[in-house]
Amino acid sequence: MQIHLSPRHLQLTAAIHSHVADKVAHLEEYTDSIIAAHVVLLFDEHRSKKKDYQVKIHLALPGPDLHAEDAEDDLYAAIDLTVHKLAQQLRKRKTKTKEKEKHKVKVAKEIERHGYRR
């Protein structure tokens, strides 16, 4: 998986880069088909709710891509919460895929048993 980082209005340090790389790499536990991840890190000191750091992550996958974003007053917290949102989306996607396959197998067995589809 390729990880592309785009810092906006903040200095990208080695610590930030390694934190993002570690967190996004953990998403591969849910699926091996992640093609690329585009991470945008934004700092905006003029935000009204004191959530200065905003993180947006776009995952390129076969089929529909996934996207999540979060804003917090701590950059690392924003990264963690955004990755957590993507992990939830990946778990949901995996469950839907498994349920769809189960249904197809069930229908195929029913057709085989009865010779027709209900």
C-alpha atoms as a PDB file:
ATOM      1  CA  MET A   1       0.000   0.000   0.000  1.00  0.00           C
ATOM      2  CA  GLN A   2       1.225   3.459  -0.873  1.00  0.00           C
ATOM      3  CA  ILE A   3       0.752   6.215   1.705  1.00  0.00           C
ATOM      4  CA  HIS A   4       0.733   9.782   0.438  1.00  0.00           C
ATOM      5  CA  LEU A   5       0.933  12.535   3.085  1.00  0.00           C
ATOM      6  CA  SER A   6      -0.085  16.124   2.393  1.00  0.00           C
ATOM      7  CA  PRO A   7       0.619  18.510   5.278  1.00  0.00           C
ATOM      8  CA  ARG A   8      -1.052  21.897   4.988  1.00  0.00           C
ATOM      9  CA  HIS A   9       0.032  24.786   7.196  1.00  0.00           C
ATOM     10  CA  LEU A  10       2.127  22.554   9.455  1.00  0.00           C
ATOM     11  CA  GLN A  11       5.604  21.085   9.481  1.00  0.00           C
ATOM     12  CA  LEU A  12       5.712  17.349   8.752  1.00  0.00           C
ATOM     13  CA  THR A  13       8.090  15.795  11.261  1.00  0.00           C
ATOM     14  CA  ALA A  14       9.477  12.272  11.304  1.00  0.00           C
ATOM     15  CA  ALA A  15       7.363  11.508  14.384  1.00  0.00           C
ATOM     16  CA  ILE A  16       4.137  12.572  12.670  1.00  0.00           C
ATOM     17  CA  HIS A  17       5.071  10.654   9.523  1.00  0.00           C
ATOM     18  CA  SER A  18       5.823   7.439  11.414  1.00  0.00           C
ATOM     19  CA  HIS A  19       2.643   7.762  13.535  1.00  0.00           C
ATOM     20  CA  VAL A  20       0.473   8.128  10.426  1.00  0.00           C
ATOM     21  CA  ALA A  21       2.286   5.298   8.629  1.00  0.00           C
ATOM     22  CA  ASP A  22       1.854   2.948  11.618  1.00  0.00           C
ATOM     23  CA  LYS A  23      -1.831   3.743  12.081  1.00  0.00           C
ATOM     24  CA  VAL A  24      -2.710   3.456   8.393  1.00  0.00           C
ATOM     25  CA  ALA A  25      -0.677   0.244   8.055  1.00  0.00           C
ATOM     26  CA  HIS A  26      -2.860  -1.310  10.782  1.00  0.00           C
ATOM     27  CA  LEU A  27      -5.847  -0.922   8.441  1.00  0.00           C
ATOM     28  CA  GLU A  28      -4.371  -3.721   6.325  1.00  0.00           C
ATOM     29  CA  GLU A  29      -5.442  -6.136   9.082  1.00  0.00           C
ATOM     30  CA  TYR A  30      -9.017  -5.722   7.833  1.00  0.00           C
ATOM     31  CA  THR A  31      -8.311  -6.157   4.126  1.00  0.00           C
ATOM     32  CA  ASP A  32      -5.277  -6.779   1.947  1.00  0.00           C
ATOM     33  CA  SER A  33      -6.801  -4.983  -1.011  1.00  0.00           C
ATOM     34  CA  ILE A  34      -5.963  -1.409   0.014  1.00  0.00           C
ATOM     35  CA  ILE A  35      -4.243   0.130  -2.989  1.00  0.00           C
ATOM     36  CA  ALA A  36      -3.278   3.506  -1.553  1.00  0.00           C
ATOM     37  CA  ALA A  37      -4.005   5.941   1.251  1.00  0.00           C
ATOM     38  CA  HIS A  38      -4.003   9.706   0.852  1.00  0.00           C
ATOM     39  CA  VAL A  39      -3.700  11.522   4.180  1.00  0.00           C
ATOM     40  CA  VAL A  40      -4.230  15.274   4.425  1.00  0.00           C
ATOM     41  CA  LEU A  41      -3.124  16.965   7.654  1.00  0.00           C
ATOM     42  CA  LEU A  42      -4.443  20.506   8.094  1.00  0.00           C
ATOM     43  CA  PHE A  43      -3.755  23.141  10.714  1.00  0.00           C
ATOM     44  CA  ASP A  44      -6.143  26.095  10.896  1.00  0.00           C
ATOM     45  CA  GLU A  45      -5.687  28.423  13.851  1.00  0.00           C
ATOM     46  CA  HIS A  46      -8.781  30.413  12.874  1.00  0.00           C
ATOM     47  CA  ARG A  47     -11.286  27.579  13.404  1.00  0.00           C
ATOM     48  CA  SER A  48     -14.127  28.616  15.664  1.00  0.00           C
ATOM     49  CA  LYS A  49     -14.422  25.511  17.870  1.00  0.00           C
ATOM     50  CA  LYS A  50     -10.758  25.303  18.940  1.00  0.00           C
ATOM     51  CA  LYS A  51     -10.298  22.122  16.959  1.00  0.00           C
ATOM     52  CA  ASP A  52      -7.236  23.364  15.143  1.00  0.00           C
ATOM     53  CA  TYR A  53      -6.066  20.102  13.560  1.00  0.00           C
ATOM     54  CA  GLN A  54      -8.067  18.404  10.851  1.00  0.00           C
ATOM     55  CA  VAL A  55      -7.205  15.010   9.322  1.00  0.00           C
ATOM     56  CA  LYS A  56      -8.723  13.612   6.130  1.00  0.00           C
ATOM     57  CA  ILE A  57      -7.919  10.109   4.891  1.00  0.00           C
ATOM     58  CA  HIS A  58      -8.945   8.638   1.544  1.00  0.00           C
ATOM     59  CA  LEU A  59      -8.452   4.905   0.993  1.00  0.00           C
ATOM     60  CA  ALA A  60      -8.316   3.639  -2.576  1.00  0.00           C
ATOM     61  CA  LEU A  61      -9.826   0.150  -2.778  1.00  0.00           C
ATOM     62  CA  PRO A  62     -11.245  -2.060  -5.507  1.00  0.00           C
ATOM     63  CA  GLY A  63     -14.838  -0.928  -5.745  1.00  0.00           C
ATOM     64  CA  PRO A  64     -16.019   2.124  -3.824  1.00  0.00           C
ATOM     65  CA  ASP A  65     -13.287   4.076  -2.042  1.00  0.00           C
ATOM     66  CA  LEU A  66     -13.537   4.969   1.638  1.00  0.00           C
ATOM     67  CA  HIS A  67     -13.132   8.412   3.167  1.00  0.00           C
ATOM     68  CA  ALA A  68     -13.076   9.714   6.738  1.00  0.00           C
ATOM     69  CA  GLU A  69     -12.192  12.959   8.457  1.00  0.00           C
ATOM     70  CA  ASP A  70     -12.022  14.369  11.955  1.00  0.00           C
ATOM     71  CA  ALA A  71     -10.984  17.590  13.677  1.00  0.00           C
ATOM     72  CA  GLU A  72      -9.473  17.828  17.157  1.00  0.00           C
ATOM     73  CA  ASP A  73      -7.288  20.148  19.180  1.00  0.00           C
ATOM     74  CA  ASP A  74      -4.505  17.517  19.165  1.00  0.00           C
ATOM     75  CA  LEU A  75      -3.076  16.240  15.867  1.00  0.00           C
ATOM     76  CA  TYR A  76      -2.380  12.731  17.135  1.00  0.00           C
ATOM     77  CA  ALA A  77      -5.915  12.394  18.539  1.00  0.00           C
ATOM     78  CA  ALA A  78      -7.348  13.511  15.196  1.00  0.00           C
ATOM     79  CA  ILE A  79      -5.229  10.920  13.371  1.00  0.00           C
ATOM     80  CA  ASP A  80      -6.286   8.154  15.772  1.00  0.00           C
ATOM     81  CA  LEU A  81      -9.996   9.002  15.533  1.00  0.00           C
ATOM     82  CA  THR A  82      -9.916   9.212  11.739  1.00  0.00           C
ATOM     83  CA  VAL A  83      -8.196   5.831  11.465  1.00  0.00           C
ATOM     84  CA  HIS A  84     -10.752   4.395  13.908  1.00  0.00           C
ATOM     85  CA  LYS A  85     -13.585   5.632  11.659  1.00  0.00           C
ATOM     86  CA  LEU A  86     -11.967   3.953   8.653  1.00  0.00           C
ATOM     87  CA  ALA A  87     -11.515   0.717  10.610  1.00  0.00           C
ATOM     88  CA  GLN A  88     -15.256   0.743  11.355  1.00  0.00           C
ATOM     89  CA  GLN A  89     -16.043   1.278   7.682  1.00  0.00           C
ATOM     90  CA  LEU A  90     -13.709  -1.570   6.660  1.00  0.00           C
ATOM     91  CA  ARG A  91     -15.289  -3.943   9.205  1.00  0.00           C
ATOM     92  CA  LYS A  92     -18.759  -3.047   7.915  1.00  0.00           C
ATOM     93  CA  ARG A  93     -17.644  -3.584   4.317  1.00  0.00           C
ATOM     94  CA  LYS A  94     -16.141  -6.974   5.166  1.00  0.00           C
ATOM     95  CA  THR A  95     -19.319  -8.061   6.978  1.00  0.00           C
ATOM     96  CA  LYS A  96     -21.500  -7.027   4.044  1.00  0.00           C
ATOM     97  CA  THR A  97     -19.300  -8.979   1.650  1.00  0.00           C
ATOM     98  CA  LYS A  98     -19.415 -12.105   3.801  1.00  0.00           C
ATOM     99  CA  GLU A  99     -23.202 -11.872   4.213  1.00  0.00           C
ATOM    100  CA  LYS A 100     -23.638 -11.470   0.456  1.00  0.00           C
ATOM    101  CA  GLU A 101     -21.522 -14.574  -0.182  1.00  0.00           C
ATOM    102  CA  LYS A 102     -23.476 -16.556   2.427  1.00  0.00           C
ATOM    103  CA  HIS A 103     -26.711 -15.570   0.737  1.00  0.00           C
ATOM    104  CA  LYS A 104     -25.440 -16.623  -2.696  1.00  0.00           C
ATOM    105  CA  VAL A 105     -24.384 -20.031  -1.344  1.00  0.00           C
ATOM    106  CA  LYS A 106     -27.751 -20.481   0.381  1.00  0.00           C
ATOM    107  CA  VAL A 107     -29.661 -19.647  -2.809  1.00  0.00           C
ATOM    108  CA  ALA A 108     -27.446 -21.973  -4.863  1.00  0.00           C
ATOM    109  CA  LYS A 109     -28.089 -24.849  -2.429  1.00  0.00           C
ATOM    110  CA  GLU A 110     -31.820 -24.180  -2.516  1.00  0.00           C
ATOM    111  CA  ILE A 111     -31.837 -24.195  -6.316  1.00  0.00           C
ATOM    112  CA  GLU A 112     -29.862 -27.433  -6.327  1.00  0.00           C
ATOM    113  CA  ARG A 113     -32.171 -29.049  -3.790  1.00  0.00           C
ATOM    114  CA  HIS A 114     -35.486 -27.973  -5.338  1.00  0.00           C
ATOM    115  CA  GLY A 115     -34.478 -27.401  -8.918  1.00  0.00           C
ATOM    116  CA  TYR A 116     -35.913 -23.874  -8.988  1.00  0.00           C
ATOM    117  CA  ARG A 117     -35.547 -20.539  -7.319  1.00  0.00           C
ATOM    118  CA  ARG A 118     -38.145 -19.274  -4.897  1.00  0.00           C
END
